[in-house]
C-alpha atoms as a PDB file:
ATOM      1  CA  MET A   1     -15.605-121.222 -19.711  1.00  0.00           C
ATOM      2  CA  ALA A   2     -11.761-120.948 -19.457  1.00  0.00           C
ATOM      3  CA  THR A   3     -11.440-123.790 -17.018  1.00  0.00           C
ATOM      4  CA  CYS A   4     -13.334-125.960 -19.397  1.00  0.00           C
ATOM      5  CA  GLN A   5     -11.285-124.801 -22.329  1.00  0.00           C
ATOM      6  CA  CYS A   6      -7.930-125.650 -20.496  1.00  0.00           C
ATOM      7  CA  LEU A   7      -9.458-129.163 -20.054  1.00  0.00           C
ATOM      8  CA  GLY A   8     -10.433-129.433 -23.614  1.00  0.00           C
ATOM      9  CA  LEU A   9      -6.855-128.506 -24.815  1.00  0.00           C
ATOM     10  CA  GLN A  10      -5.632-131.506 -22.690  1.00  0.00           C
ATOM     11  CA  ASP A  11      -7.985-134.162 -24.029  1.00  0.00           C
ATOM     12  CA  GLU A  12      -8.077-136.394 -27.173  1.00  0.00           C
ATOM     13  CA  HIS A  13      -7.060-135.268 -30.540  1.00  0.00           C
ATOM     14  CA  ASP A  14     -10.558-134.319 -31.717  1.00  0.00           C
ATOM     15  CA  ILE A  15     -11.396-132.406 -28.629  1.00  0.00           C
ATOM     16  CA  LYS A  16      -8.210-130.363 -28.773  1.00  0.00           C
ATOM     17  CA  MET A  17      -9.002-129.579 -32.367  1.00  0.00           C
ATOM     18  CA  LEU A  18     -12.494-128.124 -31.395  1.00  0.00           C
ATOM     19  CA  SER A  19     -10.958-126.573 -28.387  1.00  0.00           C
ATOM     20  CA  HIS A  20      -8.504-124.547 -30.464  1.00  0.00           C
ATOM     21  CA  LEU A  21     -11.482-123.488 -32.643  1.00  0.00           C
ATOM     22  CA  ILE A  22     -13.520-122.220 -29.555  1.00  0.00           C
ATOM     23  CA  LEU A  23     -10.480-120.703 -28.109  1.00  0.00           C
ATOM     24  CA  ILE A  24      -9.789-118.615 -31.364  1.00  0.00           C
ATOM     25  CA  LYS A  25     -13.467-117.249 -31.411  1.00  0.00           C
ATOM     26  CA  PHE A  26     -13.620-116.820 -27.566  1.00  0.00           C
ATOM     27  CA  ALA A  27     -10.414-114.786 -27.646  1.00  0.00           C
ATOM     28  CA  ARG A  28     -11.731-112.589 -30.300  1.00  0.00           C
ATOM     29  CA  LYS A  29     -14.868-111.554 -28.120  1.00  0.00           C
ATOM     30  CA  HIS A  30     -13.320-112.002 -24.507  1.00  0.00           C
ATOM     31  CA  ALA A  31      -9.780-111.345 -24.522  1.00  0.00           C
ATOM     32  CA  SER A  32      -9.575-110.287 -20.898  1.00  0.00           C
ATOM     33  CA  THR A  33     -10.843-113.566 -19.702  1.00  0.00           C
ATOM     34  CA  VAL A  34      -8.517-115.533 -21.987  1.00  0.00           C
ATOM     35  CA  LEU A  35      -5.559-113.455 -20.675  1.00  0.00           C
ATOM     36  CA  GLY A  36      -6.362-114.317 -17.227  1.00  0.00           C
ATOM     37  CA  ARG A  37      -5.930-118.003 -18.050  1.00  0.00           C
ATOM     38  CA  VAL A  38      -3.060-117.562 -20.594  1.00  0.00           C
ATOM     39  CA  GLU A  39      -0.515-119.537 -18.692  1.00  0.00           C
ATOM     40  CA  ASP A  40      -2.738-122.677 -18.337  1.00  0.00           C
ATOM     41  CA  ILE A  41      -3.760-122.403 -21.896  1.00  0.00           C
ATOM     42  CA  VAL A  42      -0.017-121.998 -23.169  1.00  0.00           C
ATOM     43  CA  GLU A  43       1.012-124.853 -20.942  1.00  0.00           C
ATOM     44  CA  ALA A  44      -1.559-127.208 -22.484  1.00  0.00           C
ATOM     45  CA  MET A  45      -0.530-126.054 -26.105  1.00  0.00           C
ATOM     46  CA  ASP A  46       3.102-126.492 -25.334  1.00  0.00           C
ATOM     47  CA  LYS A  47       2.250-130.159 -24.524  1.00  0.00           C
ATOM     48  CA  THR A  48       0.177-130.449 -27.846  1.00  0.00           C
ATOM     49  CA  LEU A  49       3.401-129.071 -29.875  1.00  0.00           C
ATOM     50  CA  LYS A  50       5.570-131.419 -28.330  1.00  0.00           C
ATOM     51  CA  VAL A  51       3.742-134.467 -29.265  1.00  0.00           C
ATOM     52  CA  LYS A  52       5.527-136.736 -31.850  1.00  0.00           C
ATOM     53  CA  PRO A  53       4.103-139.588 -33.751  1.00  0.00           C
ATOM     54  CA  LYS A  54       5.569-143.090 -33.241  1.00  0.00           C
ATOM     55  CA  SER A  55       8.158-144.395 -35.286  1.00  0.00           C
ATOM     56  CA  ASN A  56       5.766-146.884 -36.573  1.00  0.00           C
ATOM     57  CA  ALA A  57       3.002-144.476 -37.086  1.00  0.00           C
ATOM     58  CA  VAL A  58       0.950-144.839 -40.220  1.00  0.00           C
ATOM     59  CA  LYS A  59       0.413-141.904 -42.550  1.00  0.00           C
ATOM     60  CA  ASN A  60      -3.017-141.107 -41.214  1.00  0.00           C
ATOM     61  CA  GLU A  61      -1.575-140.798 -37.822  1.00  0.00           C
ATOM     62  CA  ILE A  62       1.125-138.420 -38.970  1.00  0.00           C
ATOM     63  CA  GLU A  63      -1.318-136.370 -40.954  1.00  0.00           C
ATOM     64  CA  ARG A  64      -3.576-136.120 -37.846  1.00  0.00           C
ATOM     65  CA  ASN A  65      -0.779-134.886 -35.723  1.00  0.00           C
ATOM     66  CA  GLU A  66       0.184-132.368 -38.256  1.00  0.00           C
ATOM     67  CA  ASP A  67      -3.332-131.151 -38.281  1.00  0.00           C
ATOM     68  CA  MET A  68      -3.412-130.906 -34.538  1.00  0.00           C
ATOM     69  CA  ILE A  69      -0.049-128.826 -34.526  1.00  0.00           C
ATOM     70  CA  ARG A  70      -1.418-126.438 -37.345  1.00  0.00           C
ATOM     71  CA  SER A  71      -4.727-125.822 -35.283  1.00  0.00           C
ATOM     72  CA  CYS A  72      -2.544-125.127 -32.147  1.00  0.00           C
ATOM     73  CA  LEU A  73      -0.412-122.597 -34.069  1.00  0.00           C
ATOM     74  CA  ARG A  74      -3.444-120.837 -35.301  1.00  0.00           C
ATOM     75  CA  ALA A  75      -4.768-120.617 -31.784  1.00  0.00           C
ATOM     76  CA  ILE A  76      -1.320-119.199 -30.514  1.00  0.00           C
ATOM     77  CA  LYS A  77      -1.541-116.741 -33.375  1.00  0.00           C
ATOM     78  CA  GLN A  78      -4.847-115.426 -32.136  1.00  0.00           C
ATOM     79  CA  LEU A  79      -3.498-115.192 -28.596  1.00  0.00           C
ATOM     80  CA  LEU A  80      -0.711-113.114 -29.893  1.00  0.00           C
ATOM     81  CA  GLU A  81      -3.087-110.733 -31.743  1.00  0.00           C
ATOM     82  CA  MET A  82      -5.501-110.135 -28.925  1.00  0.00           C
ATOM     83  CA  PRO A  83      -5.511-106.813 -27.293  1.00  0.00           C
ATOM     84  CA  GLY A  84      -3.135-106.723 -24.267  1.00  0.00           C
ATOM     85  CA  ALA A  85      -1.343-109.817 -25.628  1.00  0.00           C
ATOM     86  CA  ALA A  86       2.021-108.228 -24.962  1.00  0.00           C
ATOM     87  CA  ALA A  87       1.952-109.828 -21.684  1.00  0.00           C
ATOM     88  CA  CYS A  88       1.439-113.413 -23.065  1.00  0.00           C
ATOM     89  CA  GLY A  89       3.490-112.787 -26.194  1.00  0.00           C
ATOM     90  CA  VAL A  90       6.811-113.564 -24.392  1.00  0.00           C
ATOM     91  CA  ARG A  91       5.531-117.077 -23.135  1.00  0.00           C
ATOM     92  CA  CYS A  92       3.921-117.805 -26.473  1.00  0.00           C
ATOM     93  CA  SER A  93       7.132-117.022 -28.288  1.00  0.00           C
ATOM     94  CA  GLY A  94       9.021-119.276 -25.979  1.00  0.00           C
ATOM     95  CA  VAL A  95       6.669-122.175 -26.544  1.00  0.00           C
ATOM     96  CA  ILE A  96       7.064-121.876 -30.397  1.00  0.00           C
ATOM     97  CA  ARG A  97      10.935-121.350 -30.119  1.00  0.00           C
ATOM     98  CA  ALA A  98      11.060-124.403 -27.958  1.00  0.00           C
ATOM     99  CA  SER A  99       8.951-126.650 -30.037  1.00  0.00           C
ATOM    100  CA  PHE A 100      10.432-125.932 -33.464  1.00  0.00           C
ATOM    101  CA  PHE A 101      14.052-124.562 -32.987  1.00  0.00           C
END
């Protein structure tokens, strides 16, 4: 499951959004499995957070990108709230800082 989840996080916009939702629910029930693949998951999320719309992007594309970033941040929040998340907390915090500050 975690391997498929990592692939979904690297796919198209709509698939990424669904993958974030699945990851949130999966992390609540199977935290140990998610923690085992946290490096791959956070790496895919890092790439998602770094995506910038083109300079000539229309309003709809900008909104879709913002929705994707919000979805990704919700998934990161869930990762940080998992039992045993102290191990991934440093890496997730680094991703957030690097993307926004």
